[in-house]
Protein backbone atom coordinates (compact mmCIF):
# COMPACT_ATOMS: atom_id res chain seq x y z
CA MET A 1 8.88 -7.74 19.33
CA PRO A 2 12.51 -8.05 20.58
CA ALA A 3 13.98 -4.60 21.20
CA ASP A 4 17.21 -5.34 19.32
CA LEU A 5 15.64 -5.28 15.82
CA ALA A 6 13.28 -2.52 14.72
CA LEU A 7 10.78 -2.25 11.89
CA VAL A 8 10.01 0.90 9.89
CA THR A 9 7.54 1.45 7.06
CA ASP A 10 5.75 4.38 5.44
CA SER A 11 2.15 5.47 5.77
CA THR A 12 1.07 3.93 2.44
CA ALA A 13 1.16 0.45 4.02
CA TYR A 14 -2.24 1.27 5.58
CA LEU A 15 -1.66 -1.30 8.29
CA PRO A 16 -4.37 -1.88 10.89
CA GLN A 17 -3.49 0.09 14.02
CA GLU A 18 -3.67 -3.11 16.05
CA ALA A 19 -0.81 -4.59 14.00
CA VAL A 20 1.25 -1.39 14.29
CA ASP A 21 0.85 -1.48 18.07
CA ARG A 22 1.41 -5.22 18.44
CA TYR A 23 4.70 -5.22 16.56
CA GLY A 24 5.90 -1.72 17.43
CA VAL A 25 6.16 -0.65 13.79
CA ALA A 26 7.42 2.91 13.24
CA VAL A 27 5.28 4.44 10.48
CA VAL A 28 6.81 7.44 8.70
CA PRO A 29 4.03 9.65 7.26
CA LEU A 30 4.34 10.69 3.63
CA SER A 31 3.03 14.06 2.46
CA VAL A 32 0.16 15.29 0.34
CA VAL A 33 -0.02 18.81 -1.11
CA VAL A 34 -3.52 20.31 -1.23
CA GLY A 35 -3.37 23.72 -2.85
CA ASP A 36 -0.31 25.25 -1.17
CA ALA A 37 -0.55 23.24 2.05
CA VAL A 38 1.82 20.32 2.66
CA LEU A 39 0.05 17.84 4.93
CA ALA A 40 1.25 14.64 6.62
CA GLU A 41 -0.82 11.60 5.69
CA GLY A 42 -2.81 10.21 8.59
CA VAL A 43 -1.76 13.09 10.82
CA GLU A 44 -2.94 16.29 9.15
CA ILE A 45 -5.16 14.91 6.39
CA SER A 46 -7.63 12.01 6.36
CA PRO A 47 -9.06 9.89 3.52
CA LYS A 48 -12.31 11.86 3.81
CA ASP A 49 -10.40 15.12 3.47
CA VAL A 50 -8.63 14.07 0.29
CA ALA A 51 -11.80 12.66 -1.25
CA GLU A 52 -13.59 15.96 -0.61
CA ALA A 53 -10.65 17.96 -2.01
CA LEU A 54 -10.63 15.88 -5.20
CA ARG A 55 -14.39 16.13 -5.64
CA GLY A 56 -14.07 19.89 -5.14
CA LYS A 57 -11.47 19.95 -7.96
CA GLN A 58 -8.73 21.27 -5.68
CA ARG A 59 -5.16 20.67 -6.78
CA VAL A 60 -3.96 17.57 -4.92
CA THR A 61 -0.46 16.18 -5.45
CA THR A 62 2.16 14.25 -3.52
CA SER A 63 5.68 15.40 -2.71
CA ARG A 64 8.98 13.56 -2.67
CA PRO A 65 9.77 12.27 0.84
CA ASN A 66 12.53 13.94 2.82
CA PRO A 67 15.31 11.51 3.79
CA GLU A 68 15.47 13.24 7.17
CA SER A 69 12.05 11.79 8.04
CA PHE A 70 13.54 8.31 7.77
CA ALA A 71 16.83 9.32 9.37
CA ALA A 72 14.89 10.51 12.43
CA ALA A 73 13.04 7.20 12.63
CA TYR A 74 16.30 5.26 12.40
CA ARG A 75 17.95 7.40 15.08
CA ALA A 76 14.98 6.91 17.38
CA ALA A 77 15.12 3.15 16.91
CA ALA A 78 18.86 3.10 17.61
CA GLU A 79 18.40 5.24 20.72
CA ALA A 80 15.75 2.79 21.91
CA GLY A 81 18.31 -0.02 21.69
CA ALA A 82 17.87 -1.44 18.20
CA ARG A 83 21.00 -2.97 16.70
CA GLY A 84 19.43 -3.24 13.25
CA ILE A 85 16.41 -2.00 11.31
CA VAL A 86 14.26 -3.44 8.51
CA SER A 87 12.63 -0.62 6.51
CA VAL A 88 9.89 -1.75 4.07
CA HIS A 89 8.39 0.69 1.56
CA ILE A 90 6.07 1.52 -1.34
CA SER A 91 7.18 0.61 -4.85
CA GLY A 92 10.12 2.64 -6.11
CA GLU A 93 8.35 2.77 -9.49
CA LEU A 94 5.58 4.87 -7.91
CA SER A 95 7.44 6.94 -5.32
CA GLY A 96 10.88 8.12 -4.26
CA THR A 97 10.25 6.77 -0.76
CA ALA A 98 12.58 3.76 -0.91
CA GLU A 99 15.35 5.94 -2.35
CA ALA A 100 14.88 8.47 0.46
CA ALA A 101 15.07 5.61 2.95
CA ARG A 102 18.30 4.37 1.37
CA LEU A 103 19.87 7.82 1.62
CA ALA A 104 18.91 7.95 5.29
CA ALA A 105 20.15 4.39 5.85
CA ALA A 106 23.63 5.40 4.70
CA GLU A 107 23.85 7.75 7.69
CA SER A 108 22.09 5.52 10.22
CA PRO A 109 23.94 4.70 13.46
CA VAL A 110 22.89 1.04 13.06
CA PRO A 111 22.54 -1.19 9.96
CA VAL A 112 19.35 -0.72 7.94
CA ARG A 113 17.99 -3.09 5.30
CA VAL A 114 15.70 -1.16 2.95
CA VAL A 115 13.14 -3.32 1.13
CA ASP A 116 11.40 -1.92 -1.95
CA SER A 117 8.20 -3.97 -1.83
CA ARG A 118 7.27 -2.97 -5.41
CA LEU A 119 3.74 -2.77 -3.97
CA VAL A 120 1.46 -0.39 -2.10
CA GLY A 121 -1.31 -0.55 0.50
CA MET A 122 -1.75 -3.82 2.37
CA ALA A 123 0.15 -5.54 -0.44
CA LEU A 124 3.11 -3.65 1.06
CA GLY A 125 1.65 -4.14 4.54
CA TYR A 126 1.83 -7.93 4.33
CA GLY A 127 5.55 -7.63 3.64
CA VAL A 128 5.88 -5.53 6.78
CA LEU A 129 3.96 -8.12 8.79
CA ALA A 130 6.14 -10.94 7.43
CA ALA A 131 9.24 -9.13 8.67
CA ALA A 132 7.56 -8.46 12.02
CA GLU A 133 6.64 -12.12 12.46
CA ALA A 134 10.15 -13.20 11.49
CA ILE A 135 11.69 -10.83 14.03
CA ALA A 136 9.28 -12.01 16.72
CA ALA A 137 10.37 -15.59 15.95
CA GLY A 138 14.04 -14.67 16.46
CA ALA A 139 15.20 -13.95 12.90
CA GLU A 140 18.34 -11.94 12.30
CA LEU A 141 18.36 -8.73 10.26
CA ASP A 142 18.95 -10.19 6.79
CA GLU A 143 16.50 -13.04 7.44
CA ALA A 144 13.76 -10.60 8.43
CA ALA A 145 14.36 -8.46 5.33
CA ALA A 146 14.27 -11.60 3.17
CA ALA A 147 10.96 -12.61 4.76
CA ALA A 148 9.48 -9.25 3.77
CA THR A 149 10.76 -9.64 0.22
CA ARG A 150 9.39 -13.17 -0.15
CA ARG A 151 5.92 -12.21 1.08
CA ALA A 152 5.85 -9.14 -1.15
CA GLU A 153 6.87 -11.16 -4.21
CA ALA A 154 4.05 -13.65 -3.56
CA THR A 155 1.40 -10.96 -3.01
CA THR A 156 -0.82 -9.59 -5.75
CA GLY A 157 -3.03 -6.51 -5.91
CA PHE A 158 -5.86 -5.68 -8.30
CA PHE A 159 -7.97 -2.55 -8.40
CA TYR A 160 -10.82 -0.71 -10.02
CA VAL A 161 -11.08 3.06 -10.41
CA ASP A 162 -14.12 5.06 -11.48
CA THR A 163 -11.90 7.18 -13.71
CA LEU A 164 -8.29 7.17 -14.91
CA GLU A 165 -8.16 10.96 -14.67
CA TYR A 166 -6.49 11.10 -11.24
CA LEU A 167 -3.80 8.61 -12.26
CA ARG A 168 -3.21 10.64 -15.42
CA ARG A 169 -2.84 13.89 -13.45
CA GLY A 170 -0.36 12.31 -11.05
CA GLY A 171 1.75 10.73 -13.79
CA ARG A 172 1.33 7.24 -12.28
CA ILE A 173 -0.73 5.74 -15.09
CA GLY A 174 2.07 3.84 -16.89
CA ALA A 175 0.93 1.53 -19.68
CA ALA A 176 -2.70 2.10 -18.66
CA ARG A 177 -2.40 5.39 -20.56
CA ALA A 178 -3.49 3.43 -23.62
CA LEU A 179 -6.95 3.12 -22.05
CA LEU A 180 -7.48 6.88 -21.81
CA GLY A 181 -9.01 7.28 -25.25
CA SER A 182 -11.76 4.82 -24.42
CA ALA A 183 -12.06 5.72 -20.75
CA LEU A 184 -15.66 6.89 -21.12
CA ALA A 185 -16.67 3.57 -22.67
CA VAL A 186 -14.93 1.20 -20.25
CA LYS A 187 -14.33 0.65 -16.57
CA PRO A 188 -10.68 -0.35 -16.23
CA LEU A 189 -9.29 -3.03 -13.97
CA LEU A 190 -5.63 -2.42 -13.16
CA HIS A 191 -2.90 -4.26 -11.27
CA LEU A 192 0.63 -3.81 -10.01
CA ASP A 193 3.16 -5.53 -12.25
CA GLY A 194 6.87 -5.08 -11.69
CA GLY A 195 6.08 -2.27 -9.28
CA ARG A 196 4.15 -0.30 -11.92
CA ILE A 197 0.44 0.25 -12.53
CA GLU A 198 -0.56 -1.74 -15.59
CA PRO A 199 -3.91 -2.41 -17.32
CA LEU A 200 -5.44 -5.80 -16.61
CA GLU A 201 -8.87 -5.88 -18.24
CA LYS A 202 -11.52 -3.56 -19.67
CA VAL A 203 -15.09 -4.01 -18.45
CA ARG A 204 -18.20 -2.15 -19.61
CA THR A 205 -19.87 -1.24 -16.32
CA ALA A 206 -18.88 -0.61 -12.71
CA SER A 207 -20.97 -3.53 -11.45
CA ARG A 208 -19.32 -5.91 -13.91
CA ALA A 209 -15.88 -4.56 -12.99
CA ILE A 210 -16.50 -5.22 -9.29
CA ALA A 211 -17.84 -8.71 -10.05
CA ARG A 212 -14.74 -9.40 -12.11
CA LEU A 213 -12.51 -8.11 -9.30
CA GLU A 214 -14.16 -10.67 -7.03
CA GLU A 215 -13.59 -13.48 -9.53
CA ILE A 216 -9.94 -12.57 -9.98
CA ALA A 217 -9.39 -12.63 -6.21
CA VAL A 218 -11.03 -16.06 -5.88
CA GLU A 219 -8.93 -17.39 -8.77
CA GLU A 220 -5.76 -15.92 -7.28
CA ALA A 221 -6.42 -17.56 -3.89
CA ALA A 222 -6.74 -20.93 -5.71
CA GLY A 223 -7.33 -23.05 -2.60
CA ARG A 224 -4.23 -21.76 -0.81
CA GLU A 225 -4.09 -20.32 2.69
CA VAL A 226 -4.22 -16.58 2.09
CA ASP A 227 -4.78 -13.26 3.76
CA ILE A 228 -6.98 -10.81 1.85
CA ALA A 229 -7.34 -7.04 2.15
CA VAL A 230 -10.08 -4.99 0.53
CA HIS A 231 -9.23 -1.30 0.11
CA HIS A 232 -11.44 1.57 -0.95
CA LEU A 233 -11.64 5.35 -1.03
CA ALA A 234 -15.03 6.81 -0.11
CA ALA A 235 -16.65 3.56 -1.28
CA GLU A 236 -17.40 1.57 1.88
CA GLU A 237 -20.77 0.58 0.42
CA ARG A 238 -18.86 -1.36 -2.26
CA ALA A 239 -16.02 -2.65 -0.10
CA GLU A 240 -17.95 -4.28 2.74
CA PRO A 241 -20.23 -6.44 0.55
CA LEU A 242 -17.25 -7.49 -1.58
CA ALA A 243 -15.36 -8.51 1.55
CA GLU A 244 -18.29 -10.60 2.77
CA ARG A 245 -18.59 -12.36 -0.57
CA LEU A 246 -14.88 -13.17 -0.52
CA ARG A 247 -15.20 -14.46 3.05
CA ALA A 248 -17.81 -16.92 1.81
CA ARG A 249 -15.99 -17.93 -1.38
CA VAL A 250 -12.34 -18.36 -0.32
CA PRO A 251 -12.01 -21.56 1.76
CA GLY A 252 -8.35 -20.94 2.58
CA LEU A 253 -8.95 -17.44 3.93
CA CYS A 254 -6.99 -16.80 7.14
CA GLU A 255 -7.49 -13.09 7.83
CA LEU A 256 -9.62 -10.52 6.03
CA TYR A 257 -9.02 -6.80 6.41
CA VAL A 258 -11.15 -3.97 5.06
CA GLY A 259 -9.65 -0.49 5.13
CA GLU A 260 -9.72 2.86 3.42
CA VAL A 261 -6.60 4.04 1.63
CA GLY A 262 -5.08 7.27 2.86
CA ALA A 263 -4.42 10.59 1.25
CA VAL A 264 -1.24 9.70 -0.67
CA ILE A 265 -2.77 6.87 -2.69
CA GLY A 266 -6.16 8.56 -2.68
CA ALA A 267 -4.66 11.58 -4.44
CA HIS A 268 -3.74 9.34 -7.39
CA VAL A 269 -6.76 7.05 -7.66
CA GLY A 270 -9.69 9.26 -6.62
CA PRO A 271 -12.96 8.47 -4.85
CA GLY A 272 -14.57 5.19 -5.84
CA LEU A 273 -11.39 3.10 -5.73
CA LEU A 274 -11.95 -0.57 -4.93
CA ALA A 275 -8.93 -2.86 -4.55
CA VAL A 276 -8.28 -6.45 -3.50
CA VAL A 277 -4.94 -7.73 -2.22
CA VAL A 278 -4.31 -11.49 -2.04
CA SER A 279 -1.30 -12.60 -0.01
CA PRO A 280 -0.45 -16.32 0.40
CA ARG A 281 0.70 -17.33 3.84
């Protein structure tokens, strides 16, 4: 990537390390609080750690990001020769990350364009990659930020959780709160709509929910050229077969990525999460 434009995101993008290295993306870790310990996602706490903490009924929460974390990343980029920075982040409806980035951007020594993806996970990650590809192709700052926004707006994410309890505890449940009363009788499918977590469908069993998740992804791809990501938390035995079925069923599939979500998202969804992100090229 040209040294004169830099790219920053947060750790909830869950980008493959190969992509981070290839494009020189600066990833600012967000924090998870386990008991009284504040831990940096991907640095001090792993997906396995958070899954075990949740299963052990430890108190697991997330904390508001410190603008200084982003300010430090922007200063480092400027010191390395960047004349502008695109900073792409998790939905502002779910986290104060984009707002913290904006506060830091106001003090940055070089211009920063903060993009609220209104997404999370590789749904956010594809926006980051769109900006990276635009920069590599010679785009200017505003063009690269617009590329991230366009890809994010075209990207959809759907997910299944074994229980709504973790979303309820974290206050991220939104309109899906209406499902709580029948949570024992249904397996909810959820999606991101307008940056918020919203109910999509109610299914009776986990196996039917996962089959429906597959169908929705195939319908969403609709013959287009797409990239697909399958996310999970402590559920690789569900994620890998789903990914293989999608590989066989989506003729326009360009790249398929399977990855575990980290501690920040894991704290809110709990073990057993299965998610599919569909992102048109």
